[in-house]
N, C-alpha and C. Protein backbone atom coordinates (compact mmCIF):
# COMPACT_ATOMS: atom_id res chain seq x y z
N MET A 1 109.72 119.78 77.85
CA MET A 1 109.99 119.50 79.16
C MET A 1 110.69 118.25 79.11
N SER A 2 111.96 118.27 79.59
CA SER A 2 112.92 117.18 79.59
C SER A 2 112.49 116.17 80.80
N LYS A 3 112.95 115.01 80.39
CA LYS A 3 112.63 114.09 81.42
C LYS A 3 113.93 113.79 82.49
N GLN A 4 113.45 113.98 83.84
CA GLN A 4 114.45 113.78 84.65
C GLN A 4 115.19 112.44 84.99
N ALA A 5 116.27 112.15 85.27
CA ALA A 5 117.13 111.07 85.32
C ALA A 5 116.98 110.49 86.77
N HIS A 6 116.32 109.12 86.88
CA HIS A 6 116.19 108.64 87.89
C HIS A 6 117.25 107.54 88.50
N VAL A 7 117.50 107.43 89.57
CA VAL A 7 118.54 106.72 90.04
C VAL A 7 118.14 105.73 91.31
N VAL A 8 118.64 104.59 91.55
CA VAL A 8 118.39 103.65 92.55
C VAL A 8 119.57 103.85 93.52
N VAL A 9 119.52 104.08 94.94
CA VAL A 9 120.72 104.21 95.59
C VAL A 9 120.57 103.25 96.75
N SER A 10 121.80 102.57 96.93
CA SER A 10 121.98 101.43 97.95
C SER A 10 123.08 101.72 98.89
N GLY A 11 123.15 101.52 100.09
CA GLY A 11 124.00 101.40 100.96
C GLY A 11 123.50 102.29 102.30
N ALA A 12 124.10 103.06 102.86
CA ALA A 12 123.70 103.80 104.09
C ALA A 12 122.43 104.48 103.94
N VAL A 13 122.14 104.91 102.38
CA VAL A 13 120.71 105.55 102.08
C VAL A 13 120.48 104.58 101.02
N ASN A 14 119.08 104.22 101.03
CA ASN A 14 118.34 103.31 100.00
C ASN A 14 117.36 104.06 99.39
N GLY A 15 116.89 103.73 98.00
CA GLY A 15 115.66 104.03 97.54
C GLY A 15 115.79 104.68 96.28
N ARG A 16 114.97 105.00 95.64
CA ARG A 16 114.69 105.77 94.47
C ARG A 16 114.59 107.40 94.40
N TYR A 17 115.56 107.92 93.55
CA TYR A 17 115.71 109.29 93.64
C TYR A 17 115.75 109.78 92.21
N VAL A 18 115.70 111.35 92.24
CA VAL A 18 115.53 111.82 91.10
C VAL A 18 116.86 112.88 90.97
N ILE A 19 117.47 112.95 89.78
CA ILE A 19 118.77 114.00 89.95
C ILE A 19 118.10 115.23 89.29
N THR A 20 118.38 116.34 90.12
CA THR A 20 117.83 117.50 89.98
C THR A 20 118.99 118.43 89.34
N ASP A 21 120.08 118.21 89.70
CA ASP A 21 121.36 119.08 89.56
C ASP A 21 122.63 118.25 89.03
N ARG A 22 123.41 118.55 88.12
CA ARG A 22 124.74 117.96 87.81
C ARG A 22 125.59 118.94 87.80
N ARG A 23 126.57 119.13 88.49
CA ARG A 23 127.69 120.09 88.37
C ARG A 23 128.86 119.45 87.70
N PRO A 24 129.70 120.47 87.22
CA PRO A 24 130.71 119.96 86.40
C PRO A 24 131.79 119.26 86.90
N THR A 25 131.79 119.45 88.36
CA THR A 25 132.86 118.57 89.18
C THR A 25 132.26 117.18 89.40
N GLY A 26 130.91 116.81 88.80
CA GLY A 26 130.70 115.52 89.07
C GLY A 26 129.57 115.31 90.08
N GLU A 27 129.36 116.25 90.99
CA GLU A 27 128.30 116.16 91.94
C GLU A 27 126.95 116.22 91.62
N LEU A 28 126.27 115.46 92.14
CA LEU A 28 124.98 115.33 91.66
C LEU A 28 123.95 115.81 93.00
N THR A 29 122.73 116.48 92.77
CA THR A 29 121.75 116.71 93.71
C THR A 29 120.81 116.03 93.60
N LEU A 30 120.34 115.04 94.48
CA LEU A 30 119.23 114.08 94.51
C LEU A 30 118.03 114.39 95.23
N VAL A 31 116.76 114.01 94.89
CA VAL A 31 115.87 114.23 95.91
C VAL A 31 115.06 112.98 95.68
N PRO A 32 114.20 112.67 96.91
CA PRO A 32 113.46 111.42 96.65
C PRO A 32 112.55 111.44 95.62
N ASP A 33 112.47 110.35 94.84
CA ASP A 33 111.36 110.29 93.78
C ASP A 33 110.06 110.08 94.43
N THR A 34 109.11 111.00 94.00
CA THR A 34 107.88 110.98 94.37
C THR A 34 106.82 110.44 93.60
N SER A 35 107.20 109.75 92.61
CA SER A 35 106.22 109.11 91.77
C SER A 35 105.38 108.28 92.54
N ALA A 36 104.22 107.89 92.08
CA ALA A 36 103.29 107.03 92.68
C ALA A 36 103.82 105.55 92.71
N GLU A 37 104.52 105.30 91.79
CA GLU A 37 105.08 103.85 91.91
C GLU A 37 106.23 103.63 92.72
N ALA A 38 107.18 104.82 93.10
CA ALA A 38 108.15 104.98 93.92
C ALA A 38 107.75 104.88 95.40
N ILE A 39 106.59 105.62 95.49
CA ILE A 39 105.76 105.85 96.99
C ILE A 39 105.26 104.46 97.33
N ARG A 40 104.69 103.64 96.38
CA ARG A 40 104.20 102.37 96.71
C ARG A 40 105.13 101.37 96.88
N GLU A 41 106.39 101.33 96.27
CA GLU A 41 107.39 100.84 96.59
C GLU A 41 108.16 101.06 98.04
N ARG A 42 108.25 102.19 98.32
CA ARG A 42 108.88 102.60 99.77
C ARG A 42 107.74 101.92 100.84
N ALA A 43 106.58 102.06 100.55
CA ALA A 43 105.59 101.55 101.51
C ALA A 43 105.43 100.11 101.48
N GLY A 44 106.20 99.32 100.63
CA GLY A 44 105.92 98.04 100.59
C GLY A 44 104.77 97.48 99.88
N LEU A 45 103.98 98.43 99.11
CA LEU A 45 102.67 97.95 98.63
C LEU A 45 103.02 97.20 97.43
N LEU A 46 102.36 96.04 97.22
CA LEU A 46 102.36 95.18 96.10
C LEU A 46 101.07 94.98 95.46
N ASP A 47 100.74 94.92 94.32
CA ASP A 47 99.61 94.56 93.57
C ASP A 47 99.31 93.20 94.06
N PRO A 48 98.03 92.76 94.32
CA PRO A 48 97.82 91.25 94.76
C PRO A 48 97.52 90.76 93.68
N THR A 49 97.98 89.15 93.64
CA THR A 49 97.88 88.29 92.70
C THR A 49 96.32 88.10 92.38
N PRO A 50 95.93 87.62 91.30
CA PRO A 50 94.37 87.32 91.20
C PRO A 50 93.87 86.23 92.08
N GLU A 51 94.66 85.37 92.71
CA GLU A 51 94.04 84.53 93.59
C GLU A 51 93.98 85.32 95.23
N GLN A 52 94.98 86.45 95.43
CA GLN A 52 94.86 86.88 96.67
C GLN A 52 93.75 87.84 96.46
N SER A 53 93.66 88.42 95.32
CA SER A 53 92.31 89.49 95.25
C SER A 53 90.96 88.73 95.51
N ALA A 54 90.95 87.37 94.68
CA ALA A 54 89.49 86.71 94.92
C ALA A 54 89.44 86.39 96.47
N ALA A 55 90.59 86.04 97.06
CA ALA A 55 90.44 85.47 98.45
C ALA A 55 89.86 87.02 99.39
N PHE A 56 90.31 87.73 99.01
CA PHE A 56 90.04 89.00 99.77
C PHE A 56 88.59 89.45 99.50
N TRP A 57 88.29 89.31 98.17
CA TRP A 57 86.72 89.84 98.11
C TRP A 57 86.02 88.66 98.68
N ARG A 58 86.32 87.48 98.54
CA ARG A 58 85.43 86.49 99.15
C ARG A 58 85.11 86.77 100.76
N GLU A 59 86.25 87.02 101.47
CA GLU A 59 86.30 87.23 102.79
C GLU A 59 85.63 88.52 103.22
N HIS A 60 85.85 89.62 102.64
CA HIS A 60 85.28 90.91 103.06
C HIS A 60 84.13 91.56 102.27
N GLU A 61 83.73 90.94 101.19
CA GLU A 61 82.59 91.78 100.24
C GLU A 61 81.45 91.74 101.27
N PRO A 62 81.19 90.65 101.86
CA PRO A 62 79.72 90.47 102.56
C PRO A 62 79.61 91.59 103.67
N HIS A 63 80.77 92.28 103.94
CA HIS A 63 80.80 93.21 105.35
C HIS A 63 80.92 94.52 104.80
N MET A 64 81.07 94.75 103.43
CA MET A 64 81.26 96.23 102.67
C MET A 64 79.82 96.73 102.77
N LEU A 65 79.80 97.99 103.09
CA LEU A 65 78.60 98.85 102.73
C LEU A 65 78.62 99.37 101.44
N PRO A 66 77.28 99.75 100.85
CA PRO A 66 77.84 100.61 99.53
C PRO A 66 77.90 102.06 100.04
N PRO A 67 78.26 102.85 98.71
CA PRO A 67 78.66 104.12 98.98
C PRO A 67 77.61 104.83 99.66
N ASP A 68 77.71 106.04 100.13
CA ASP A 68 76.51 106.80 100.81
C ASP A 68 75.35 107.39 99.94
N ASP A 69 75.65 107.29 98.54
CA ASP A 69 74.69 107.80 97.85
C ASP A 69 74.06 106.63 97.01
N GLU A 70 74.38 105.38 97.75
CA GLU A 70 73.77 104.18 96.93
C GLU A 70 72.94 103.49 98.03
N SER A 71 71.90 102.56 97.56
CA SER A 71 71.04 101.95 98.48
C SER A 71 71.33 100.67 98.44
């Protein structure tokens, strides 16, 4: 299986895309990149820093309930 080429587009349209077709005339067919990384980027999701993670758990862990199958 060959790896598809990825491109980043900016201007009137922005984002990460995958090239699905290349024509002899130079035209490209692009589709949105649906990789987990690209989806997270579009959604503005970032991994928290260790300090942000520790602060989150300090604040919220006392209010979290165990999963249904645990006591």
